[in-house]
């Protein structure tokens, strides 16, 4: 297989810790089957709750037809969709696309790539649900596995300014892991990984005034270093923002090897016990 990334792309990622690769996934053979499966799952959840499924036939532009009605009736039904869609075969096939391993090998010479269990899924960011929005963070504290890791991120719907594109601080991966506050803010409604906050966040983010927020299309790939600072955008549209995340780690990373490549919150592991030196509470 030819190297998926050019030499210029490899160098750009080395400098920025984030890289956008337009049109990486094939829309017909890789993206469309996932959208079609999401449409089917939504219909099944509707039937499960006795709502009936009288939607129009599937179309890629309206693959999530019925989802907003579901969460408008009962918000927990959206959680059923969220848990189910990550299990469809088309999504799992894309998760294991061999090109992900080849990209990891290109960007991390001498690595042994692996898929992070509980580190992949289809994210649904609903309008104005800011309590579930990911604030400024590095991927490693919430995921662990290995300090050396990559996120492969791709939208299932065209990202507009109104939908709230993910924001990145190019070059921030060179700082290494940044201490975090692990306890929820007083009176806050966040828990688990959502409660993590950067210590001195305003000062840290202020060092990177040249932020980027790429507007991406289905099929585009964004590669993110586990240590690159990024944050979810604010969805102020009338519909959800759908995106896929595949997280890969490196078995050869000494930090990951030292703690046995443990996962973090999704695996029920207390980050504070693994890295007390990074907890600033």
Foldseek 3Di string as FASTA:
>chain_A
DPQLDDPVQLVQCVQFQKGKFAQQADCPQQQVVLLQVLLVVLQVLCVVVPNHDPDDDDDLQPSNPNLVVVCVVPVVSNVVSQVPSCPDPSNVCVLPDVSVVSNLCSNDPPFDKDFQVVFKGKDKAWAPPCLPWAAKDFQCLQWPLFLWKKKKKFWSAFADVQQWFKKWQTRQLVVGHAAWAQDADVVGDHHRPSRIDGDVNVVSVVVRPPMDGDGGHGSMIMMGTSRIIMTTTHNNDNGITIMIIIMMGTPPHPLSVVVVSDTPRSRPHPSCVSCVVRHDD
